[in-house]
Protein backbone atom coordinates (compact mmCIF):
# COMPACT_ATOMS: atom_id res chain seq x y z
CA MET A 1 -29.58 -40.80 30.49
CA ARG A 2 -27.64 -43.63 28.92
CA SER A 3 -29.50 -46.91 29.05
CA GLN A 4 -28.25 -50.27 30.18
CA GLU A 5 -29.94 -53.55 30.85
CA TRP A 6 -31.58 -53.53 34.27
CA TRP A 7 -29.89 -56.69 35.51
CA LYS A 8 -26.44 -55.36 34.63
CA ARG A 9 -27.13 -52.23 36.66
CA GLN A 10 -28.23 -54.36 39.57
CA LEU A 11 -25.05 -56.45 39.40
CA VAL A 12 -22.85 -53.37 39.37
CA GLN A 13 -24.74 -51.78 42.26
CA ARG A 14 -24.65 -54.93 44.38
CA SER A 15 -20.92 -55.31 43.80
CA THR A 16 -20.03 -51.73 44.71
CA ALA A 17 -20.42 -52.00 48.50
CA PRO A 18 -18.23 -55.13 48.91
CA LEU A 19 -15.64 -53.59 46.57
CA LYS A 20 -15.57 -50.40 48.63
CA GLU A 21 -15.10 -52.38 51.85
CA HIS A 22 -12.30 -54.39 50.25
CA MET A 23 -10.46 -51.25 49.14
CA GLU A 24 -10.83 -49.67 52.59
CA ARG A 25 -9.24 -52.75 54.17
CA MET A 26 -6.46 -52.69 51.59
CA ARG A 27 -5.69 -49.02 52.29
CA ALA A 28 -5.49 -49.81 56.00
CA GLU A 29 -3.30 -52.91 55.57
CA SER A 30 -1.04 -51.80 52.72
CA PRO A 31 2.22 -50.15 53.85
CA PHE A 32 2.57 -48.35 50.50
CA LEU A 33 -0.99 -47.02 50.35
CA ARG A 34 -0.94 -46.12 54.04
CA GLU A 35 2.42 -44.34 54.00
CA HIS A 36 1.97 -42.49 50.68
CA PRO A 37 -1.08 -40.22 50.57
CA PRO A 38 -2.55 -39.65 47.09
CA ARG A 39 -1.57 -36.42 45.38
CA LEU A 40 -4.09 -33.80 44.31
CA LEU A 41 -5.96 -34.96 41.20
CA ALA A 42 -8.73 -33.50 39.06
CA LYS A 43 -12.19 -34.89 39.88
CA PHE A 44 -14.90 -35.26 37.25
CA ASP A 45 -18.28 -36.86 36.73
CA ARG A 46 -18.49 -39.20 33.76
CA SER A 47 -21.15 -36.98 32.18
CA GLU A 48 -18.63 -34.11 31.98
CA ILE A 49 -16.12 -35.98 29.83
CA VAL A 50 -16.44 -35.77 26.05
CA THR A 51 -14.84 -38.77 24.38
CA GLY A 52 -13.69 -39.48 20.84
CA ARG A 53 -12.53 -42.66 19.19
CA VAL A 54 -11.39 -45.88 20.82
CA LEU A 55 -7.60 -46.02 21.18
CA GLY A 56 -7.22 -49.45 22.75
CA LYS A 57 -8.87 -52.40 24.42
CA GLY A 58 -7.67 -54.82 27.06
CA GLY A 59 -9.11 -57.91 28.66
CA PHE A 60 -11.31 -55.87 31.00
CA SER A 61 -11.00 -52.22 29.99
CA VAL A 62 -11.30 -49.87 27.04
CA VAL A 63 -9.45 -46.59 26.39
CA TYR A 64 -10.93 -43.57 24.57
CA GLU A 65 -9.38 -40.25 23.65
CA VAL A 66 -10.71 -37.29 25.65
CA LEU A 67 -11.89 -34.46 23.39
CA GLY A 68 -12.95 -32.11 26.15
CA PHE A 69 -14.35 -31.52 29.63
CA ASP A 70 -17.87 -30.03 29.75
CA LEU A 71 -17.73 -28.82 33.34
CA ASP A 72 -20.91 -28.63 35.43
CA SER A 73 -20.66 -26.19 38.35
CA PHE A 74 -23.53 -27.94 40.17
CA ILE A 75 -21.68 -31.26 40.11
CA ALA A 76 -18.52 -29.59 41.44
CA ARG A 77 -20.22 -27.94 44.42
CA SER A 78 -18.79 -30.52 46.85
CA LEU A 79 -15.19 -29.90 45.74
CA THR A 80 -12.70 -27.57 47.35
CA PRO A 81 -11.70 -24.33 45.56
CA GLU A 82 -8.34 -25.90 44.73
CA GLU A 83 -10.02 -28.95 43.19
CA ARG A 84 -12.39 -26.81 41.15
CA LYS A 85 -9.50 -24.71 39.86
CA LEU A 86 -7.62 -27.84 38.79
CA ARG A 87 -10.65 -29.03 36.80
CA GLU A 88 -10.71 -25.72 34.95
CA VAL A 89 -7.01 -25.99 34.12
CA TYR A 90 -7.57 -29.37 32.47
CA ALA A 91 -10.63 -28.12 30.61
CA ARG A 92 -8.58 -25.26 29.10
CA ASN A 93 -5.61 -27.42 28.15
CA VAL A 94 -7.16 -30.62 26.83
CA LEU A 95 -5.64 -30.13 23.35
CA ASP A 96 -1.94 -29.86 22.54
CA PRO A 97 -1.52 -26.44 20.84
CA LYS A 98 1.13 -27.80 18.45
CA THR A 99 -0.46 -31.05 17.32
CA LYS A 100 -4.12 -30.11 18.03
CA ARG A 101 -4.41 -33.60 19.44
CA SER A 102 -5.93 -34.54 22.78
CA ARG A 103 -3.45 -34.79 25.66
CA TYR A 104 -5.52 -37.27 27.68
CA VAL A 105 -7.38 -40.56 27.54
CA ILE A 106 -10.09 -42.11 29.70
CA LYS A 107 -9.96 -45.74 30.78
CA TYR A 108 -12.97 -47.62 32.13
CA LEU A 109 -14.49 -51.11 32.14
CA ARG A 110 -15.83 -52.63 28.95
CA PRO A 111 -19.64 -53.20 28.99
CA GLU A 112 -19.23 -56.97 28.54
CA THR A 113 -17.05 -57.11 31.66
CA VAL A 114 -20.14 -56.54 33.78
CA ARG A 115 -21.56 -59.86 32.66
CA HIS A 116 -18.40 -61.95 32.96
CA ALA A 117 -15.99 -60.67 35.62
CA PHE A 118 -17.10 -57.36 37.08
CA ARG A 119 -15.75 -57.75 40.61
CA GLU A 120 -12.30 -58.89 39.49
CA ALA A 121 -12.06 -56.23 36.78
CA ALA A 122 -13.38 -53.47 39.05
CA ASN A 123 -10.89 -54.41 41.77
CA ASP A 124 -7.98 -54.25 39.27
CA LEU A 125 -9.06 -50.85 37.92
CA VAL A 126 -9.54 -49.28 41.36
CA LEU A 127 -6.23 -50.67 42.60
CA GLU A 128 -4.55 -49.25 39.50
CA GLY A 129 -5.99 -45.87 40.42
CA GLU A 130 -4.77 -46.23 44.00
CA PHE A 131 -1.23 -47.02 42.84
CA LEU A 132 -1.02 -44.36 40.13
CA SER A 133 -2.40 -41.64 42.42
CA ARG A 134 0.70 -42.16 44.58
CA LEU A 135 3.43 -43.22 42.15
CA GLN A 136 5.55 -40.46 40.62
CA HIS A 137 8.26 -41.47 38.16
CA GLU A 138 9.18 -40.00 34.79
CA ASN A 139 8.88 -43.41 33.12
CA ILE A 140 5.49 -44.33 34.62
CA ILE A 141 2.33 -43.00 33.02
CA THR A 142 0.76 -40.07 34.88
CA LEU A 143 -2.73 -40.24 36.34
CA HIS A 144 -4.54 -36.88 36.09
CA GLY A 145 -8.11 -37.51 37.14
CA LEU A 146 -10.65 -39.74 38.89
CA PRO A 147 -14.42 -39.75 39.41
CA ILE A 148 -15.72 -37.30 42.02
CA ASN A 149 -17.40 -40.06 44.03
CA GLY A 150 -14.63 -42.63 43.75
CA VAL A 151 -15.85 -46.23 43.90
CA ASP A 152 -19.35 -44.95 44.69
CA ALA A 153 -19.51 -43.72 41.08
CA TRP A 154 -20.61 -47.29 40.28
CA GLN A 155 -23.73 -46.88 42.44
CA ASP A 156 -25.61 -45.69 39.36
CA GLY A 157 -25.04 -49.13 37.86
CA LEU A 158 -23.03 -47.86 34.88
CA HIS A 159 -19.97 -49.78 33.73
CA ASP A 160 -18.08 -46.53 33.04
CA GLY A 161 -18.95 -44.80 36.33
CA TYR A 162 -15.42 -45.29 37.64
CA PHE A 163 -12.60 -44.24 35.33
CA LEU A 164 -9.01 -43.06 35.10
CA ILE A 165 -7.87 -39.94 33.21
CA LEU A 166 -4.35 -40.65 31.94
CA ASP A 167 -1.72 -39.18 29.65
CA ARG A 168 -2.20 -40.03 26.01
CA LEU A 169 0.75 -41.96 24.58
CA THR A 170 1.80 -41.60 20.97
CA GLU A 171 2.68 -45.23 20.28
CA THR A 172 3.27 -48.53 22.07
CA LEU A 173 6.64 -50.22 22.00
CA ASP A 174 4.97 -53.26 20.46
CA HIS A 175 3.73 -51.16 17.54
CA CYS A 176 7.10 -49.43 17.20
CA LEU A 177 8.95 -52.74 16.93
CA HIS A 178 6.65 -54.08 14.22
CA ASN A 179 5.89 -50.91 12.29
CA LYS A 180 8.14 -50.87 9.23
CA ILE A 181 7.30 -47.20 8.60
CA SER A 182 8.65 -46.08 11.98
CA LYS A 183 12.34 -45.26 12.08
CA ALA A 184 14.17 -47.89 14.13
CA PRO A 185 15.84 -46.42 17.22
CA THR A 186 19.63 -46.50 17.42
CA ALA A 187 21.48 -48.95 19.67
CA ARG A 188 22.27 -46.13 22.09
CA LYS A 189 18.61 -45.07 22.21
CA LYS A 190 17.59 -48.67 22.86
CA MET A 191 20.05 -48.76 25.76
CA GLU A 192 18.42 -45.61 27.12
CA TYR A 193 14.97 -47.17 26.79
CA ALA A 194 16.18 -50.31 28.60
CA LEU A 195 17.70 -48.21 31.39
CA ASP A 196 14.57 -46.06 31.75
CA LEU A 197 12.44 -49.20 31.99
CA ALA A 198 14.79 -50.71 34.58
CA SER A 199 14.62 -47.46 36.54
CA ALA A 200 10.80 -47.51 36.56
CA ILE A 201 10.62 -51.15 37.67
CA ASP A 202 13.32 -50.60 40.31
CA TYR A 203 11.25 -47.69 41.62
CA LEU A 204 8.22 -49.97 41.92
CA HIS A 205 10.24 -52.65 43.69
CA SER A 206 11.65 -50.09 46.13
CA ASN A 207 8.03 -49.38 47.08
CA GLY A 208 7.20 -53.07 47.46
CA ILE A 209 5.22 -53.32 44.21
CA VAL A 210 5.64 -56.05 41.59
CA PHE A 211 4.31 -55.20 38.12
CA ARG A 212 3.73 -58.80 36.89
CA ASP A 213 2.76 -57.95 33.31
CA LEU A 214 5.81 -56.41 31.68
CA LYS A 215 5.61 -56.69 27.87
CA PRO A 216 6.01 -54.40 24.82
CA SER A 217 2.26 -53.74 24.59
CA ASN A 218 2.31 -52.28 28.13
CA LEU A 219 5.05 -49.82 27.21
CA GLY A 220 4.46 -46.66 25.26
CA PHE A 221 6.02 -43.33 24.36
CA SER A 222 5.02 -39.92 25.65
CA SER A 223 4.66 -36.87 23.41
CA THR A 224 8.28 -36.03 24.27
CA GLY A 225 9.51 -39.48 23.25
CA ARG A 226 10.08 -40.80 26.76
CA ILE A 227 9.25 -44.47 27.31
CA GLN A 228 6.37 -45.01 29.75
CA LEU A 229 5.16 -48.01 31.72
CA TYR A 230 1.38 -48.30 31.86
CA ASP A 231 -1.51 -50.68 32.64
CA PHE A 232 -1.11 -51.48 36.34
CA GLY A 233 -4.13 -53.75 36.46
CA LEU A 234 -2.06 -56.78 37.51
CA ALA A 235 0.40 -54.93 39.76
CA ARG A 236 0.34 -56.03 43.38
CA GLU A 237 2.06 -55.08 46.60
CA LEU A 238 4.36 -57.71 48.08
CA PRO A 239 3.87 -58.59 51.75
CA GLY A 240 7.63 -58.30 52.39
CA ASP A 241 10.89 -57.46 50.67
CA GLY A 242 14.26 -58.91 49.76
CA ASP A 243 14.53 -62.42 48.37
CA ASP A 244 11.52 -63.81 50.23
CA VAL A 245 9.11 -65.63 47.93
CA TYR A 246 5.32 -65.67 48.10
CA GLU A 247 2.35 -67.56 46.76
CA MET A 248 0.54 -65.40 44.22
CA SER A 249 -1.61 -66.06 41.20
CA GLY A 250 0.04 -66.86 37.88
CA VAL A 251 -0.75 -63.89 35.65
CA GLY A 252 0.83 -62.16 32.68
CA THR A 253 1.66 -63.03 29.08
CA ARG A 254 3.33 -66.42 28.71
CA ARG A 255 6.32 -65.56 26.50
CA TYR A 256 7.38 -62.83 28.97
CA MET A 257 6.45 -64.65 32.20
CA ALA A 258 9.12 -66.12 34.46
CA PRO A 259 9.12 -69.95 34.58
CA GLU A 260 8.28 -70.00 38.29
CA VAL A 261 5.06 -68.08 37.60
CA ILE A 262 3.93 -70.43 34.83
CA ARG A 263 4.78 -73.44 36.99
CA GLU A 264 2.74 -71.91 39.85
CA ARG A 265 5.75 -71.81 42.16
CA ARG A 266 6.35 -69.23 44.87
CA TYR A 267 7.89 -66.05 43.48
CA ASN A 268 8.87 -62.46 44.26
CA ALA A 269 9.69 -59.18 42.49
CA LYS A 270 12.40 -60.85 40.42
CA VAL A 271 9.73 -62.11 38.04
CA ASP A 272 9.84 -58.57 36.64
CA VAL A 273 13.59 -58.93 36.06
CA TYR A 274 12.99 -61.99 33.89
CA SER A 275 10.27 -60.14 31.97
CA TRP A 276 12.58 -57.14 31.53
CA SER A 277 15.19 -59.39 29.92
CA MET A 278 12.63 -60.75 27.43
CA VAL A 279 11.45 -57.25 26.52
CA VAL A 280 15.00 -55.95 26.10
CA TRP A 281 16.03 -58.97 24.00
CA GLN A 282 13.04 -58.25 21.74
CA LEU A 283 13.86 -54.53 21.70
CA PHE A 284 17.33 -55.23 20.29
CA THR A 285 16.54 -58.16 17.99
CA HIS A 286 13.01 -57.16 16.84
CA CYS A 287 12.02 -60.82 17.32
CA LYS A 288 9.39 -62.16 19.70
CA PRO A 289 10.78 -64.62 22.24
CA TYR A 290 9.78 -68.23 21.53
CA SER A 291 7.66 -67.09 18.59
CA LEU A 292 6.96 -70.61 17.25
CA TYR A 293 6.20 -72.35 20.54
CA SER A 294 2.70 -73.37 21.58
CA PRO A 295 1.88 -73.15 25.31
CA VAL A 296 2.75 -76.84 25.67
CA ASP A 297 6.07 -76.40 23.82
CA HIS A 298 6.89 -73.34 25.90
CA ALA A 299 6.24 -75.20 29.14
CA ARG A 300 8.34 -78.19 28.02
CA HIS A 301 11.33 -76.38 26.51
CA VAL A 302 11.48 -73.11 28.47
CA CYS A 303 9.96 -73.72 31.89
CA ILE A 304 11.22 -77.28 32.34
CA GLY A 305 14.05 -77.56 29.82
CA GLY A 306 15.60 -74.18 30.63
CA GLU A 307 15.76 -72.91 27.03
CA ARG A 308 16.31 -69.18 26.57
CA PRO A 309 16.42 -66.86 23.52
CA PRO A 310 19.70 -67.12 21.56
CA LEU A 311 22.62 -64.85 22.41
CA GLY A 312 24.50 -65.23 19.14
CA LYS A 313 24.97 -69.01 19.35
CA GLY A 314 22.98 -72.21 19.56
CA LEU A 315 20.23 -73.69 17.42
CA ASP A 316 18.19 -71.39 15.19
CA ILE A 317 14.84 -72.83 16.29
CA HIS A 318 12.71 -69.72 15.76
CA GLY A 319 14.71 -68.02 13.01
CA ASP A 320 16.04 -65.40 15.42
CA LEU A 321 19.67 -66.50 15.84
CA LYS A 322 20.99 -64.09 13.21
CA ALA A 323 19.20 -61.15 14.84
CA SER A 324 20.87 -61.91 18.18
CA LEU A 325 24.38 -61.72 16.70
CA GLY A 326 24.36 -57.93 17.08
CA LEU A 327 23.97 -58.03 20.87
CA SER A 328 26.96 -56.55 22.69
CA PRO A 329 28.98 -58.70 25.13
CA PHE A 330 27.69 -56.50 27.94
CA LEU A 331 24.04 -57.14 27.02
CA LYS A 332 24.61 -60.86 26.57
CA ASP A 333 26.06 -61.13 30.08
CA LEU A 334 23.34 -58.98 31.62
CA LEU A 335 20.45 -60.79 29.92
CA ALA A 336 21.87 -64.15 30.95
CA ASP A 337 21.99 -62.96 34.57
CA CYS A 338 18.39 -61.72 34.33
CA TRP A 339 16.76 -64.86 32.95
CA VAL A 340 18.68 -67.41 35.02
CA GLU A 341 16.42 -70.21 36.26
CA SER A 342 17.11 -69.84 39.99
CA ILE A 343 15.24 -66.93 41.50
CA ARG A 344 17.92 -66.77 44.20
CA GLU A 345 20.70 -66.37 41.64
CA ARG A 346 18.79 -63.97 39.38
CA CYS A 347 19.98 -60.39 39.78
CA SER A 348 17.73 -57.72 41.26
CA MET A 349 16.34 -54.80 39.29
CA SER A 350 18.52 -52.37 41.22
CA ASP A 351 21.55 -54.39 40.05
CA VAL A 352 20.27 -54.17 36.47
CA ARG A 353 19.78 -50.42 36.74
CA ARG A 354 23.27 -49.80 38.13
CA ARG A 355 24.93 -51.95 35.49
CA MET A 356 23.00 -50.21 32.73
CA GLN A 357 23.96 -46.79 34.11
CA CYS A 358 27.63 -47.73 34.16
CA GLU A 359 27.53 -49.12 30.62
CA LEU A 360 25.75 -46.08 29.21
CA ALA A 361 28.27 -43.81 30.95
CA ARG A 362 31.09 -45.81 29.37
CA MET A 363 29.44 -45.49 25.95
CA ASN A 364 29.20 -41.74 26.50
CA GLY A 365 32.90 -41.47 27.42
CA SER A 366 32.43 -40.95 31.14
CA PHE A 367 32.82 -42.90 34.36
CA PHE A 368 29.85 -43.74 36.56
CA TYR A 369 29.61 -45.78 39.74
CA THR A 370 26.85 -45.91 42.31
CA GLU A 371 26.46 -47.70 45.62
CA ALA A 372 24.23 -47.47 48.66
CA THR A 373 25.74 -46.47 52.03
CA PRO A 374 24.90 -48.24 55.33
CA GLU A 375 22.48 -45.38 55.98
CA GLY A 376 20.50 -46.42 52.89
CA ILE A 377 21.56 -43.38 50.85
CA GLU A 378 22.66 -43.98 47.28
CA VAL A 379 25.90 -42.20 46.40
CA THR A 380 27.10 -41.74 42.84
CA ILE A 381 30.68 -41.15 41.70
CA SER A 382 31.02 -39.84 38.18
CA PHE A 383 33.38 -37.89 35.97
CA ASP A 384 33.95 -37.21 32.30
CA LEU A 385 36.87 -39.18 30.90
CA ALA A 386 37.17 -36.84 27.95
CA SER A 387 37.75 -33.82 30.20
CA SER A 388 40.51 -35.67 32.07
CA ARG A 389 42.67 -36.19 28.96
CA HIS A 390 45.06 -33.27 29.09
CA SER A 391 48.73 -32.87 28.23
CA ASP A 392 49.99 -31.57 31.57
CA ARG A 393 47.96 -34.12 33.60
CA GLU A 394 47.08 -31.70 36.38
CA GLU A 395 45.32 -33.55 39.17
CA ASP A 396 42.94 -30.70 39.99
CA ASN A 397 41.02 -31.41 36.77
CA ASN A 398 40.17 -34.93 37.92
CA THR A 399 36.97 -34.38 39.87
CA VAL A 400 34.59 -36.87 41.37
CA SER A 401 31.08 -35.57 42.01
CA LEU A 402 29.20 -37.24 44.84
CA THR A 403 25.43 -36.92 44.70
CA ALA A 404 22.79 -38.37 46.98
CA GLY A 405 19.66 -40.17 45.87
CA GLU A 406 16.07 -39.19 46.60
CA SER A 407 16.30 -40.45 50.18
CA PHE A 408 19.09 -38.01 51.09
CA ASP A 409 18.09 -35.32 53.55
CA GLU A 410 19.39 -32.01 52.19
CA THR A 411 19.84 -30.71 55.75
CA GLN A 412 22.51 -33.38 56.26
CA SER A 413 25.82 -31.75 55.32
CA SER A 414 28.03 -34.81 55.57
CA LEU A 415 27.78 -38.53 54.98
CA SER A 416 29.82 -41.54 55.99
CA LEU A 417 31.54 -42.89 52.89
CA GLY A 418 34.12 -45.11 54.55
CA HIS A 419 32.71 -48.32 53.07
CA LEU A 420 32.44 -47.06 49.50
CA VAL A 421 34.68 -48.86 47.05
CA VAL A 422 34.95 -48.16 43.33
CA LYS A 423 35.18 -51.71 42.03
CA GLU A 424 35.58 -51.31 38.27
CA SER A 425 38.34 -49.92 36.10
CA VAL A 426 37.22 -47.80 33.18
CA SER A 427 38.29 -48.34 29.59
CA ASP A 428 37.54 -47.03 26.14
CA THR A 429 39.24 -46.91 22.76
CA GLY A 430 41.68 -44.31 24.08
CA GLY A 431 43.18 -46.58 26.70
CA CYS A 432 42.59 -47.90 30.19
CA TYR A 433 42.02 -45.59 33.16
CA PRO A 434 42.47 -47.50 36.44
CA VAL A 435 40.91 -45.82 39.42
CA LEU A 436 42.29 -46.41 42.92
CA LYS A 437 39.55 -48.04 44.89
CA SER A 438 39.17 -46.57 48.34
CA VAL A 439 37.75 -43.63 50.22
CA LEU A 440 38.99 -42.29 53.57
CA SER A 441 38.06 -45.13 55.89
CA GLY A 442 35.61 -44.22 58.59
CA SER A 443 35.57 -40.51 57.71
CA THR A 444 32.83 -38.20 56.50
CA CYS A 445 32.96 -36.22 53.27
CA SER A 446 31.09 -33.16 52.11
CA MET A 447 28.38 -33.87 49.55
CA SER A 448 29.74 -31.12 47.29
CA SER A 449 32.15 -31.93 44.45
CA LEU A 450 35.35 -33.43 45.82
CA SER A 451 38.82 -33.36 44.32
CA LEU A 452 40.40 -36.78 44.01
CA ALA A 453 43.72 -35.39 45.22
CA ASP A 454 42.45 -33.42 48.23
CA SER A 455 39.44 -35.27 49.61
CA MET A 456 39.92 -38.90 48.67
CA LEU A 457 42.83 -41.29 48.92
CA ALA A 458 42.52 -42.12 45.26
CA THR A 459 44.53 -41.56 42.12
CA HIS A 460 43.45 -41.32 38.51
CA ILE A 461 46.35 -42.72 36.50
CA LEU A 462 46.60 -41.56 32.89
């Protein structure tokens, strides 16, 4: 049995019961945890997990690659047949057959954390497990496994008793931006990364969760190249929604933190919008925001003075003005709306996501518009501009597809669209394509593809 100093074991054991009580209260009081049951996950004992080299370290935790699962049938006797079968699936598929590299990592507390901040660190790690066991989004890292005994795994007094089994990422965004060997992504790919990140954060906000620590080192890439948000240690559930502001601790990394957080003001989920703008500015310029400022300088010039990264004009204080010249007018406008000082005037992440979707559609030669109905169902109108350019201009080729978001009940065959208004005209190098901006007022429309001429009082003028 692995040895640890006796007093450290005692500290861990004494802290386990209060931590368990705290998490039970949180599950009972949290709307998100209460309303979203955890999905089926593989359960292991720490002794069954074979680890390799260290892949990363944080303030409280350490991450190792998982080389294999040495399953013990005696340990698994308390599990259901379905849970035992899932363990076996992971044990057989721990290595990627193409790369021969481990698919998974294990995250647990660093040994020195026991001495300095065990209760705080343990609470963050368990809460991360609670969130990730319920969150399901293609741009959020996937949790695959937990300890069989949950928080009670710390009863043995071992710092690594409780752990998370997560997807292994190939590279962090921070490393990608500063690795001269890596091929720089194209502007279009960067737009896709920015949209995917906005989509993940918007998903969190829709569930009442604020991430609070958005930065390049907390973003990575999956084996398929998809950007992933990870490290939910500082994520918290907001007590309400909308533009209400709350008193919460000031956490995060200074250069990416919203001014209201650093100044210990009341804040809400829009702090993530500010952080998103800093990450995206760095993604496109390959420059760190406020790279030459000390904490005192940052507080004086950014938090109080209102300074923001350059958008192609202004003083070249940090040597990053030239890099910002390549930002598109669209991005300059969007970033400015995201890092505005007033939290009331700052746009929401859902606004950011919709604007990014529309811009990417325009770049791809198509039209895209999305809006939520009074019933809370998101409806999307889209069509391919390229397919509508034809010599005879037949109206039946101009099709608008209406699709419902995740909240749409598939048993509902029709939906009120009377309020929906397409607000933007669409343009590209081939000309301008105004779109008439109304839908049959007060009527209902089938959710299948609708012809502009037959089902909507709208005209696509070529």
